[in-house]
PDB file of N, CA and C in Angstrom:
ATOM      1  N   UNK A   1      24.585  56.563  -4.465  1.00  0.00           N
ATOM      2  CA  UNK A   1      23.952  55.567  -5.285  1.00  0.00           C
ATOM      3  C   UNK A   1      22.467  55.527  -4.988  1.00  0.00           C
ATOM      4  N   UNK A   2      21.764  55.261  -6.032  1.00  0.00           N
ATOM      5  CA  UNK A   2      20.314  55.190  -5.914  1.00  0.00           C
ATOM      6  C   UNK A   2      19.920  53.715  -5.906  1.00  0.00           C
ATOM      7  N   UNK A   3      19.411  53.209  -4.764  1.00  0.00           N
ATOM      8  CA  UNK A   3      19.052  51.800  -4.655  1.00  0.00           C
ATOM      9  C   UNK A   3      17.561  51.580  -4.875  1.00  0.00           C
ATOM     10  N   UNK A   4      16.879  52.619  -5.347  1.00  0.00           N
ATOM     11  CA  UNK A   4      15.441  52.512  -5.576  1.00  0.00           C
ATOM     12  C   UNK A   4      15.190  51.802  -6.902  1.00  0.00           C
ATOM     13  N   UNK A   5      14.278  50.834  -6.899  1.00  0.00           N
ATOM     14  CA  UNK A   5      13.903  50.120  -8.118  1.00  0.00           C
ATOM     15  C   UNK A   5      12.486  50.557  -8.499  1.00  0.00           C
ATOM     16  N   UNK A   6      12.313  50.888  -9.725  1.00  0.00           N
ATOM     17  CA  UNK A   6      11.028  51.393 -10.184  1.00  0.00           C
ATOM     18  C   UNK A   6       9.997  50.287 -10.328  1.00  0.00           C
ATOM     19  N   UNK A   7       8.748  50.696 -10.461  1.00  0.00           N
ATOM     20  CA  UNK A   7       7.649  49.740 -10.572  1.00  0.00           C
ATOM     21  C   UNK A   7       7.768  48.913 -11.842  1.00  0.00           C
ATOM     22  N   UNK A   8       8.239  49.512 -12.910  1.00  0.00           N
ATOM     23  CA  UNK A   8       8.408  48.786 -14.164  1.00  0.00           C
ATOM     24  C   UNK A   8       9.509  47.729 -14.035  1.00  0.00           C
ATOM     25  N   UNK A   9      10.625  48.117 -13.418  1.00  0.00           N
ATOM     26  CA  UNK A   9      11.720  47.167 -13.212  1.00  0.00           C
ATOM     27  C   UNK A   9      11.298  46.026 -12.279  1.00  0.00           C
ATOM     28  N   UNK A  10      10.545  46.338 -11.252  1.00  0.00           N
ATOM     29  CA  UNK A  10      10.070  45.312 -10.319  1.00  0.00           C
ATOM     30  C   UNK A  10       9.131  44.341 -11.026  1.00  0.00           C
ATOM     31  N   UNK A  11       8.277  44.877 -11.893  1.00  0.00           N
ATOM     32  CA  UNK A  11       7.372  44.008 -12.648  1.00  0.00           C
ATOM     33  C   UNK A  11       8.125  43.082 -13.587  1.00  0.00           C
ATOM     34  N   UNK A  12       9.158  43.596 -14.235  1.00  0.00           N
ATOM     35  CA  UNK A  12       9.958  42.770 -15.154  1.00  0.00           C
ATOM     36  C   UNK A  12      10.701  41.678 -14.389  1.00  0.00           C
ATOM     37  N   UNK A  13      11.270  42.032 -13.233  1.00  0.00           N
ATOM     38  CA  UNK A  13      11.977  41.038 -12.414  1.00  0.00           C
ATOM     39  C   UNK A  13      11.002  39.959 -11.940  1.00  0.00           C
ATOM     40  N   UNK A  14       9.805  40.363 -11.522  1.00  0.00           N
ATOM     41  CA  UNK A  14       8.807  39.396 -11.061  1.00  0.00           C
ATOM     42  C   UNK A  14       8.377  38.468 -12.201  1.00  0.00           C
ATOM     43  N   UNK A  15       8.119  39.027 -13.373  1.00  0.00           N
ATOM     44  CA  UNK A  15       7.722  38.201 -14.513  1.00  0.00           C
ATOM     45  C   UNK A  15       8.827  37.231 -14.923  1.00  0.00           C
ATOM     46  N   UNK A  16      10.072  37.692 -14.916  1.00  0.00           N
ATOM     47  CA  UNK A  16      11.191  36.788 -15.235  1.00  0.00           C
ATOM     48  C   UNK A  16      11.312  35.678 -14.191  1.00  0.00           C
ATOM     49  N   UNK A  17      11.083  36.009 -12.929  1.00  0.00           N
ATOM     50  CA  UNK A  17      11.118  34.993 -11.868  1.00  0.00           C
ATOM     51  C   UNK A  17      10.039  33.947 -12.061  1.00  0.00           C
ATOM     52  N   UNK A  18       8.825  34.418 -12.355  1.00  0.00           N
ATOM     53  CA  UNK A  18       7.722  33.487 -12.623  1.00  0.00           C
ATOM     54  C   UNK A  18       8.027  32.618 -13.840  1.00  0.00           C
ATOM     55  N   UNK A  19       8.578  33.223 -14.868  1.00  0.00           N
ATOM     56  CA  UNK A  19       8.888  32.471 -16.087  1.00  0.00           C
ATOM     57  C   UNK A  19       9.911  31.380 -15.805  1.00  0.00           C
ATOM     58  N   UNK A  20      10.934  31.686 -15.014  1.00  0.00           N
ATOM     59  CA  UNK A  20      11.960  30.684 -14.684  1.00  0.00           C
ATOM     60  C   UNK A  20      11.345  29.537 -13.890  1.00  0.00           C
ATOM     61  N   UNK A  21      10.503  29.862 -12.920  1.00  0.00           N
ATOM     62  CA  UNK A  21       9.876  28.818 -12.092  1.00  0.00           C
ATOM     63  C   UNK A  21       8.976  27.923 -12.945  1.00  0.00           C
ATOM     64  N   UNK A  22       8.131  28.526 -13.781  1.00  0.00           N
ATOM     65  CA  UNK A  22       7.235  27.720 -14.604  1.00  0.00           C
ATOM     66  C   UNK A  22       8.004  26.919 -15.649  1.00  0.00           C
ATOM     67  N   UNK A  23       9.080  27.485 -16.193  1.00  0.00           N
ATOM     68  CA  UNK A  23       9.903  26.722 -17.128  1.00  0.00           C
ATOM     69  C   UNK A  23      10.504  25.500 -16.434  1.00  0.00           C
ATOM     70  N   UNK A  24      10.976  25.677 -15.212  1.00  0.00           N
ATOM     71  CA  UNK A  24      11.511  24.549 -14.450  1.00  0.00           C
ATOM     72  C   UNK A  24      10.454  23.488 -14.176  1.00  0.00           C
ATOM     73  N   UNK A  25       9.242  23.927 -13.823  1.00  0.00           N
ATOM     74  CA  UNK A  25       8.164  22.965 -13.562  1.00  0.00           C
ATOM     75  C   UNK A  25       7.770  22.205 -14.822  1.00  0.00           C
ATOM     76  N   UNK A  26       7.701  22.913 -15.947  1.00  0.00           N
ATOM     77  CA  UNK A  26       7.344  22.255 -17.205  1.00  0.00           C
ATOM     78  C   UNK A  26       8.433  21.272 -17.613  1.00  0.00           C
ATOM     79  N   UNK A  27       9.676  21.664 -17.425  1.00  0.00           N
ATOM     80  CA  UNK A  27      10.789  20.763 -17.740  1.00  0.00           C
ATOM     81  C   UNK A  27      10.750  19.520 -16.852  1.00  0.00           C
ATOM     82  N   UNK A  28      10.481  19.702 -15.578  1.00  0.00           N
ATOM     83  CA  UNK A  28      10.380  18.570 -14.652  1.00  0.00           C
ATOM     84  C   UNK A  28       9.219  17.656 -15.047  1.00  0.00           C
ATOM     85  N   UNK A  29       8.087  18.243 -15.449  1.00  0.00           N
ATOM     86  CA  UNK A  29       6.940  17.445 -15.887  1.00  0.00           C
ATOM     87  C   UNK A  29       7.297  16.616 -17.119  1.00  0.00           C
ATOM     88  N   UNK A  30       8.032  17.209 -18.051  1.00  0.00           N
ATOM     89  CA  UNK A  30       8.440  16.480 -19.262  1.00  0.00           C
ATOM     90  C   UNK A  30       9.370  15.318 -18.914  1.00  0.00           C
ATOM     91  N   UNK A  31      10.316  15.557 -18.016  1.00  0.00           N
ATOM     92  CA  UNK A  31      11.253  14.504 -17.619  1.00  0.00           C
ATOM     93  C   UNK A  31      10.498  13.352 -16.952  1.00  0.00           C
ATOM     94  N   UNK A  32       9.573  13.664 -16.073  1.00  0.00           N
ATOM     95  CA  UNK A  32       8.804  12.622 -15.384  1.00  0.00           C
ATOM     96  C   UNK A  32       7.946  11.841 -16.375  1.00  0.00           C
ATOM     97  N   UNK A  33       7.341  12.525 -17.325  1.00  0.00           N
ATOM     98  CA  UNK A  33       6.517  11.848 -18.326  1.00  0.00           C
ATOM     99  C   UNK A  33       7.358  10.898 -19.179  1.00  0.00           C
ATOM    100  N   UNK A  34       8.521  11.359 -19.619  1.00  0.00           N
ATOM    101  CA  UNK A  34       9.401  10.511 -20.434  1.00  0.00           C
ATOM    102  C   UNK A  34       9.874   9.302 -19.633  1.00  0.00           C
ATOM    103  N   UNK A  35      10.242   9.519 -18.371  1.00  0.00           N
ATOM    104  CA  UNK A  35      10.690   8.395 -17.533  1.00  0.00           C
ATOM    105  C   UNK A  35       9.545   7.396 -17.317  1.00  0.00           C
ATOM    106  N   UNK A  36       8.328   7.882 -17.108  1.00  0.00           N
ATOM    107  CA  UNK A  36       7.178   6.994 -16.926  1.00  0.00           C
ATOM    108  C   UNK A  36       6.922   6.150 -18.156  1.00  0.00           C
ATOM    109  N   UNK A  37       6.993   6.771 -19.329  1.00  0.00           N
ATOM    110  CA  UNK A  37       6.777   6.015 -20.571  1.00  0.00           C
ATOM    111  C   UNK A  37       7.898   5.000 -20.785  1.00  0.00           C
ATOM    112  N   UNK A  38       9.119   5.348 -20.409  1.00  0.00           N
ATOM    113  CA  UNK A  38      10.240   4.410 -20.553  1.00  0.00           C
ATOM    114  C   UNK A  38      10.021   3.189 -19.649  1.00  0.00           C
ATOM    115  N   UNK A  39       9.584   3.417 -18.411  1.00  0.00           N
ATOM    116  CA  UNK A  39       9.358   2.293 -17.503  1.00  0.00           C
ATOM    117  C   UNK A  39       8.164   1.454 -17.947  1.00  0.00           C
ATOM    118  N   UNK A  40       7.115   2.096 -18.488  1.00  0.00           N
ATOM    119  CA  UNK A  40       5.973   1.339 -18.991  1.00  0.00           C
ATOM    120  C   UNK A  40       6.379   0.476 -20.181  1.00  0.00           C
ATOM    121  N   UNK A  41       7.218   1.012 -21.052  1.00  0.00           N
ATOM    122  CA  UNK A  41       7.683   0.226 -22.191  1.00  0.00           C
ATOM    123  C   UNK A  41       8.540  -0.945 -21.717  1.00  0.00           C
ATOM    124  N   UNK A  42       9.364  -0.703 -20.708  1.00  0.00           N
ATOM    125  CA  UNK A  42      10.209  -1.767 -20.158  1.00  0.00           C
ATOM    126  C   UNK A  42       9.340  -2.874 -19.541  1.00  0.00           C
ATOM    127  N   UNK A  43       8.288  -2.475 -18.801  1.00  0.00           N
ATOM    128  CA  UNK A  43       7.389  -3.459 -18.196  1.00  0.00           C
ATOM    129  C   UNK A  43       6.628  -4.237 -19.258  1.00  0.00           C
ATOM    130  N   UNK A  44       6.183  -3.553 -20.304  1.00  0.00           N
ATOM    131  CA  UNK A  44       5.453  -4.228 -21.377  1.00  0.00           C
ATOM    132  C   UNK A  44       6.356  -5.217 -22.104  1.00  0.00           C
ATOM    133  N   UNK A  45       7.614  -4.827 -22.298  1.00  0.00           N
ATOM    134  CA  UNK A  45       8.567  -5.720 -22.962  1.00  0.00           C
ATOM    135  C   UNK A  45       8.834  -6.949 -22.094  1.00  0.00           C
ATOM    136  N   UNK A  46       8.965  -6.750 -20.802  1.00  0.00           N
ATOM    137  CA  UNK A  46       9.209  -7.873 -19.892  1.00  0.00           C
ATOM    138  C   UNK A  46       7.989  -8.789 -19.833  1.00  0.00           C
ATOM    139  N   UNK A  47       6.793  -8.214 -19.877  1.00  0.00           N
ATOM    140  CA  UNK A  47       5.575  -9.029 -19.835  1.00  0.00           C
ATOM    141  C   UNK A  47       5.422  -9.832 -21.119  1.00  0.00           C
ATOM    142  N   UNK A  48       5.818  -9.237 -22.246  1.00  0.00           N
ATOM    143  CA  UNK A  48       5.723  -9.954 -23.515  1.00  0.00           C
ATOM    144  C   UNK A  48       6.749 -11.077 -23.579  1.00  0.00           C
ATOM    145  N   UNK A  49       7.890 -10.897 -22.944  1.00  0.00           N
ATOM    146  CA  UNK A  49       8.937 -11.913 -22.964  1.00  0.00           C
ATOM    147  C   UNK A  49       8.641 -13.054 -21.989  1.00  0.00           C
ATOM    148  N   UNK A  50       7.751 -12.827 -21.039  1.00  0.00           N
ATOM    149  CA  UNK A  50       7.421 -13.864 -20.066  1.00  0.00           C
ATOM    150  C   UNK A  50       6.713 -15.009 -20.780  1.00  0.00           C
ATOM    151  N   UNK A  51       6.924 -16.220 -20.327  1.00  0.00           N
ATOM    152  CA  UNK A  51       6.268 -17.356 -20.980  1.00  0.00           C
ATOM    153  C   UNK A  51       4.751 -17.263 -20.837  1.00  0.00           C
ATOM    154  N   UNK A  52       4.056 -17.547 -21.917  1.00  0.00           N
ATOM    155  CA  UNK A  52       2.600 -17.463 -21.934  1.00  0.00           C
ATOM    156  C   UNK A  52       1.949 -18.713 -21.342  1.00  0.00           C
ATOM    157  N   UNK A  53       2.725 -19.762 -21.130  1.00  0.00           N
ATOM    158  CA  UNK A  53       2.191 -21.001 -20.599  1.00  0.00           C
ATOM    159  C   UNK A  53       2.027 -20.869 -19.093  1.00  0.00           C
ATOM    160  N   UNK A  54       0.821 -21.093 -18.618  1.00  0.00           N
ATOM    161  CA  UNK A  54       0.567 -21.043 -17.183  1.00  0.00           C
ATOM    162  C   UNK A  54       1.038 -22.359 -16.563  1.00  0.00           C
ATOM    163  N   UNK A  55       1.609 -22.292 -15.393  1.00  0.00           N
ATOM    164  CA  UNK A  55       2.036 -23.537 -14.739  1.00  0.00           C
ATOM    165  C   UNK A  55       0.825 -24.406 -14.402  1.00  0.00           C
ATOM    166  N   UNK A  56       1.014 -25.694 -14.481  1.00  0.00           N
ATOM    167  CA  UNK A  56      -0.063 -26.625 -14.177  1.00  0.00           C
ATOM    168  C   UNK A  56      -0.415 -26.511 -12.704  1.00  0.00           C
ATOM    169  N   UNK A  57      -1.703 -26.577 -12.388  1.00  0.00           N
ATOM    170  CA  UNK A  57      -2.077 -26.462 -10.979  1.00  0.00           C
ATOM    171  C   UNK A  57      -1.522 -27.648 -10.195  1.00  0.00           C
ATOM    172  N   UNK A  58      -1.004 -27.337  -9.053  1.00  0.00           N
ATOM    173  CA  UNK A  58      -0.426 -28.375  -8.202  1.00  0.00           C
ATOM    174  C   UNK A  58      -1.537 -29.239  -7.620  1.00  0.00           C
ATOM    175  N   UNK A  59      -1.192 -30.442  -7.292  1.00  0.00           N
ATOM    176  CA  UNK A  59      -2.154 -31.347  -6.680  1.00  0.00           C
ATOM    177  C   UNK A  59      -2.577 -30.762  -5.342  1.00  0.00           C
ATOM    178  N   UNK A  60      -3.825 -30.943  -4.967  1.00  0.00           N
ATOM    179  CA  UNK A  60      -4.255 -30.384  -3.680  1.00  0.00           C
ATOM    180  C   UNK A  60      -3.410 -30.966  -2.547  1.00  0.00           C
ATOM    181  N   UNK A  61      -2.894 -30.078  -1.755  1.00  0.00           N
ATOM    182  CA  UNK A  61      -2.032 -30.492  -0.648  1.00  0.00           C
ATOM    183  C   UNK A  61      -2.884 -31.090   0.463  1.00  0.00           C
ATOM    184  N   UNK A  62      -2.254 -31.930   1.220  1.00  0.00           N
ATOM    185  CA  UNK A  62      -2.936 -32.501   2.370  1.00  0.00           C
ATOM    186  C   UNK A  62      -3.224 -31.385   3.360  1.00  0.00           C
ATOM    187  N   UNK A  63      -4.172 -31.613   4.235  1.00  0.00           N
ATOM    188  CA  UNK A  63      -4.537 -30.577   5.203  1.00  0.00           C
ATOM    189  C   UNK A  63      -3.314 -30.179   6.010  1.00  0.00           C
ATOM    190  N   UNK A  64      -3.083 -28.891   6.065  1.00  0.00           N
ATOM    191  CA  UNK A  64      -1.913 -28.385   6.782  1.00  0.00           C
ATOM    192  C   UNK A  64      -2.053 -28.691   8.267  1.00  0.00           C
ATOM    193  N   UNK A  65      -0.967 -29.055   8.888  1.00  0.00           N
ATOM    194  CA  UNK A  65      -1.049 -29.342  10.322  1.00  0.00           C
ATOM    195  C   UNK A  65      -1.372 -28.063  11.090  1.00  0.00           C
ATOM    196  N   UNK A  66      -2.158 -28.209  12.127  1.00  0.00           N
ATOM    197  CA  UNK A  66      -2.542 -27.056  12.928  1.00  0.00           C
ATOM    198  C   UNK A  66      -1.377 -26.621  13.791  1.00  0.00           C
ATOM    199  N   UNK A  67      -1.381 -25.356  14.102  1.00  0.00           N
ATOM    200  CA  UNK A  67      -0.331 -24.815  14.970  1.00  0.00           C
ATOM    201  C   UNK A  67      -0.447 -25.452  16.342  1.00  0.00           C
ATOM    202  N   UNK A  68       0.660 -25.565  17.025  1.00  0.00           N
ATOM    203  CA  UNK A  68       0.584 -26.146  18.370  1.00  0.00           C
ATOM    204  C   UNK A  68      -0.352 -25.323  19.246  1.00  0.00           C
ATOM    205  N   UNK A  69      -1.279 -25.982  19.851  1.00  0.00           N
ATOM    206  CA  UNK A  69      -2.214 -25.292  20.721  1.00  0.00           C
ATOM    207  C   UNK A  69      -3.512 -24.924  20.035  1.00  0.00           C
ATOM    208  N   UNK A  70      -3.612 -25.025  18.716  1.00  0.00           N
ATOM    209  CA  UNK A  70      -4.856 -24.696  18.024  1.00  0.00           C
ATOM    210  C   UNK A  70      -5.858 -25.803  18.273  1.00  0.00           C
ATOM    211  N   UNK A  71      -7.096 -25.411  18.526  1.00  0.00           N
ATOM    212  CA  UNK A  71      -8.094 -26.419  18.850  1.00  0.00           C
ATOM    213  C   UNK A  71      -9.428 -26.090  18.209  1.00  0.00           C
ATOM    214  N   UNK A  72      -9.857 -26.926  17.283  1.00  0.00           N
ATOM    215  CA  UNK A  72     -11.211 -26.876  16.755  1.00  0.00           C
ATOM    216  C   UNK A  72     -11.607 -25.637  15.995  1.00  0.00           C
ATOM    217  N   UNK A  73     -12.918 -25.560  15.761  1.00  0.00           N
ATOM    218  CA  UNK A  73     -13.515 -24.481  14.994  1.00  0.00           C
ATOM    219  C   UNK A  73     -14.043 -23.399  15.935  1.00  0.00           C
ATOM    220  N   UNK A  74     -14.140 -22.212  15.398  1.00  0.00           N
ATOM    221  CA  UNK A  74     -14.660 -21.081  16.145  1.00  0.00           C
ATOM    222  C   UNK A  74     -16.017 -20.720  15.558  1.00  0.00           C
ATOM    223  N   UNK A  75     -17.029 -20.611  16.397  1.00  0.00           N
ATOM    224  CA  UNK A  75     -18.362 -20.239  15.932  1.00  0.00           C
ATOM    225  C   UNK A  75     -18.554 -18.742  16.143  1.00  0.00           C
ATOM    226  N   UNK A  76     -18.936 -18.052  15.059  1.00  0.00           N
ATOM    227  CA  UNK A  76     -19.183 -16.620  15.128  1.00  0.00           C
ATOM    228  C   UNK A  76     -20.677 -16.359  15.050  1.00  0.00           C
ATOM    229  N   UNK A  77     -21.199 -15.598  15.986  1.00  0.00           N
ATOM    230  CA  UNK A  77     -22.619 -15.270  16.028  1.00  0.00           C
ATOM    231  C   UNK A  77     -22.766 -13.764  15.848  1.00  0.00           C
ATOM    232  N   UNK A  78     -23.206 -13.338  14.672  1.00  0.00           N
ATOM    233  CA  UNK A  78     -23.410 -11.923  14.345  1.00  0.00           C
ATOM    234  C   UNK A  78     -22.136 -11.088  14.518  1.00  0.00           C
ATOM    235  N   UNK A  79     -20.985 -11.686  14.216  1.00  0.00           N
ATOM    236  CA  UNK A  79     -19.704 -10.985  14.319  1.00  0.00           C
ATOM    237  C   UNK A  79     -18.936 -11.249  13.038  1.00  0.00           C
ATOM    238  N   UNK A  80     -18.353 -10.199  12.475  1.00  0.00           N
ATOM    239  CA  UNK A  80     -17.535 -10.359  11.275  1.00  0.00           C
ATOM    240  C   UNK A  80     -16.208 -11.033  11.647  1.00  0.00           C
ATOM    241  N   UNK A  81     -15.628 -11.809  10.736  1.00  0.00           N
ATOM    242  CA  UNK A  81     -14.358 -12.469  11.033  1.00  0.00           C
ATOM    243  C   UNK A  81     -13.247 -11.482  11.389  1.00  0.00           C
ATOM    244  N   UNK A  82     -13.247 -10.323  10.753  1.00  0.00           N
ATOM    245  CA  UNK A  82     -12.221  -9.312  11.053  1.00  0.00           C
ATOM    246  C   UNK A  82     -12.359  -8.814  12.496  1.00  0.00           C
ATOM    247  N   UNK A  83     -13.588  -8.602  12.922  1.00  0.00           N
ATOM    248  CA  UNK A  83     -13.832  -8.151  14.295  1.00  0.00           C
ATOM    249  C   UNK A  83     -13.463  -9.250  15.285  1.00  0.00           C
ATOM    250  N   UNK A  84     -13.783 -10.489  14.961  1.00  0.00           N
ATOM    251  CA  UNK A  84     -13.441 -11.614  15.846  1.00  0.00           C
ATOM    252  C   UNK A  84     -11.929 -11.744  15.987  1.00  0.00           C
ATOM    253  N   UNK A  85     -11.206 -11.578  14.903  1.00  0.00           N
ATOM    254  CA  UNK A  85      -9.750 -11.664  14.968  1.00  0.00           C
ATOM    255  C   UNK A  85      -9.185 -10.572  15.862  1.00  0.00           C
ATOM    256  N   UNK A  86      -9.754  -9.377  15.759  1.00  0.00           N
ATOM    257  CA  UNK A  86      -9.296  -8.269  16.597  1.00  0.00           C
ATOM    258  C   UNK A  86      -9.572  -8.556  18.072  1.00  0.00           C
ATOM    259  N   UNK A  87     -10.742  -9.101  18.369  1.00  0.00           N
ATOM    260  CA  UNK A  87     -11.092  -9.424  19.758  1.00  0.00           C
ATOM    261  C   UNK A  87     -10.140 -10.475  20.311  1.00  0.00           C
ATOM    262  N   UNK A  88      -9.866 -11.510  19.517  1.00  0.00           N
ATOM    263  CA  UNK A  88      -8.958 -12.564  19.987  1.00  0.00           C
ATOM    264  C   UNK A  88      -7.560 -12.011  20.229  1.00  0.00           C
ATOM    265  N   UNK A  89      -7.092 -11.113  19.354  1.00  0.00           N
ATOM    266  CA  UNK A  89      -5.759 -10.531  19.534  1.00  0.00           C
ATOM    267  C   UNK A  89      -5.708  -9.676  20.790  1.00  0.00           C
ATOM    268  N   UNK A  90      -6.768  -8.920  21.056  1.00  0.00           N
ATOM    269  CA  UNK A  90      -6.799  -8.075  22.254  1.00  0.00           C
ATOM    270  C   UNK A  90      -6.804  -8.929  23.513  1.00  0.00           C
ATOM    271  N   UNK A  91      -7.614  -9.989  23.520  1.00  0.00           N
ATOM    272  CA  UNK A  91      -7.671 -10.873  24.692  1.00  0.00           C
ATOM    273  C   UNK A  91      -6.305 -11.517  24.940  1.00  0.00           C
ATOM    274  N   UNK A  92      -5.661 -11.990  23.884  1.00  0.00           N
ATOM    275  CA  UNK A  92      -4.349 -12.619  24.045  1.00  0.00           C
ATOM    276  C   UNK A  92      -3.332 -11.613  24.568  1.00  0.00           C
ATOM    277  N   UNK A  93      -3.401 -10.373  24.084  1.00  0.00           N
ATOM    278  CA  UNK A  93      -2.461  -9.353  24.538  1.00  0.00           C
ATOM    279  C   UNK A  93      -2.693  -9.018  26.012  1.00  0.00           C
ATOM    280  N   UNK A  94      -3.950  -8.852  26.405  1.00  0.00           N
ATOM    281  CA  UNK A  94      -4.268  -8.507  27.792  1.00  0.00           C
ATOM    282  C   UNK A  94      -3.895  -9.638  28.754  1.00  0.00           C
ATOM    283  N   UNK A  95      -4.018 -10.878  28.287  1.00  0.00           N
ATOM    284  CA  UNK A  95      -3.667 -12.019  29.142  1.00  0.00           C
ATOM    285  C   UNK A  95      -2.164 -12.285  29.139  1.00  0.00           C
ATOM    286  N   UNK A  96      -1.465 -11.726  28.158  1.00  0.00           N
ATOM    287  CA  UNK A  96      -0.019 -11.943  28.087  1.00  0.00           C
ATOM    288  C   UNK A  96       0.342 -13.337  27.619  1.00  0.00           C
ATOM    289  N   UNK A  97      -0.522 -13.959  26.838  1.00  0.00           N
ATOM    290  CA  UNK A  97      -0.275 -15.312  26.338  1.00  0.00           C
ATOM    291  C   UNK A  97      -0.296 -15.292  24.821  1.00  0.00           C
ATOM    292  N   UNK A  98       0.437 -16.219  24.194  1.00  0.00           N
ATOM    293  CA  UNK A  98       0.358 -16.329  22.734  1.00  0.00           C
ATOM    294  C   UNK A  98      -1.034 -16.783  22.324  1.00  0.00           C
ATOM    295  N   UNK A  99      -1.448 -16.330  21.155  1.00  0.00           N
ATOM    296  CA  UNK A  99      -2.792 -16.623  20.673  1.00  0.00           C
ATOM    297  C   UNK A  99      -3.030 -18.118  20.494  1.00  0.00           C
ATOM    298  N   UNK A 100      -1.986 -18.867  20.116  1.00  0.00           N
ATOM    299  CA  UNK A 100      -2.179 -20.301  19.885  1.00  0.00           C
ATOM    300  C   UNK A 100      -2.298 -21.101  21.182  1.00  0.00           C
ATOM    301  N   UNK A 101      -2.106 -20.457  22.321  1.00  0.00           N
ATOM    302  CA  UNK A 101      -2.289 -21.155  23.587  1.00  0.00           C
ATOM    303  C   UNK A 101      -3.693 -20.931  24.164  1.00  0.00           C
ATOM    304  N   UNK A 102      -4.471 -20.086  23.509  1.00  0.00           N
ATOM    305  CA  UNK A 102      -5.830 -19.815  23.968  1.00  0.00           C
ATOM    306  C   UNK A 102      -6.824 -20.570  23.098  1.00  0.00           C
ATOM    307  N   UNK A 103      -7.960 -20.914  23.675  1.00  0.00           N
ATOM    308  CA  UNK A 103      -8.991 -21.621  22.914  1.00  0.00           C
ATOM    309  C   UNK A 103     -10.266 -20.795  22.942  1.00  0.00           C
ATOM    310  N   UNK A 104     -10.692 -20.371  21.780  1.00  0.00           N
ATOM    311  CA  UNK A 104     -11.923 -19.619  21.632  1.00  0.00           C
ATOM    312  C   UNK A 104     -12.954 -20.561  21.021  1.00  0.00           C
ATOM    313  N   UNK A 105     -14.081 -20.736  21.695  1.00  0.00           N
ATOM    314  CA  UNK A 105     -15.114 -21.640  21.218  1.00  0.00           C
ATOM    315  C   UNK A 105     -16.124 -20.888  20.365  1.00  0.00           C
ATOM    316  N   UNK A 106     -16.581 -19.736  20.849  1.00  0.00           N
ATOM    317  CA  UNK A 106     -17.531 -18.936  20.076  1.00  0.00           C
ATOM    318  C   UNK A 106     -17.397 -17.480  20.486  1.00  0.00           C
ATOM    319  N   UNK A 107     -17.773 -16.609  19.561  1.00  0.00           N
ATOM    320  CA  UNK A 107     -17.788 -15.181  19.838  1.00  0.00           C
ATOM    321  C   UNK A 107     -19.162 -14.679  19.425  1.00  0.00           C
ATOM    322  N   UNK A 108     -19.825 -13.998  20.373  1.00  0.00           N
ATOM    323  CA  UNK A 108     -21.172 -13.512  20.120  1.00  0.00           C
ATOM    324  C   UNK A 108     -21.246 -12.054  20.519  1.00  0.00           C
ATOM    325  N   UNK A 109     -21.911 -11.260  19.665  1.00  0.00           N
ATOM    326  CA  UNK A 109     -22.087  -9.838  19.957  1.00  0.00           C
ATOM    327  C   UNK A 109     -23.170  -9.677  21.006  1.00  0.00           C
ATOM    328  N   UNK A 110     -22.851  -8.946  22.070  1.00  0.00           N
ATOM    329  CA  UNK A 110     -23.827  -8.693  23.121  1.00  0.00           C
ATOM    330  C   UNK A 110     -24.400  -7.308  22.878  1.00  0.00           C
ATOM    331  N   UNK A 111     -25.724  -7.238  22.812  1.00  0.00           N
ATOM    332  CA  UNK A 111     -26.380  -5.952  22.520  1.00  0.00           C
ATOM    333  C   UNK A 111     -27.057  -5.400  23.741  1.00  0.00           C
TER     334      UNK A 111
END
């Protein structure tokens, strides 16, 4: 038996392989597009069915009670609130205490 495949046969097999792969990808793209449009239509239908009347704003609530251990205001000097929160969390972690048991009076950047 001759198991040798010619260059022409190899080219045809390669082209058919590429064609099958690209056909599968195009088919998958079509399925995803159709599913996306179906979900968008479903969302639009649900949004249209939702009541257009906005709920009346609730009366302003009384000041929420502070967490146990919270004390006063914190003064920030040239520090962003996000950075201050990170510093407080690190200090509480290093001390091994809950954050609400610590009292921070001010945080200032040292240059």
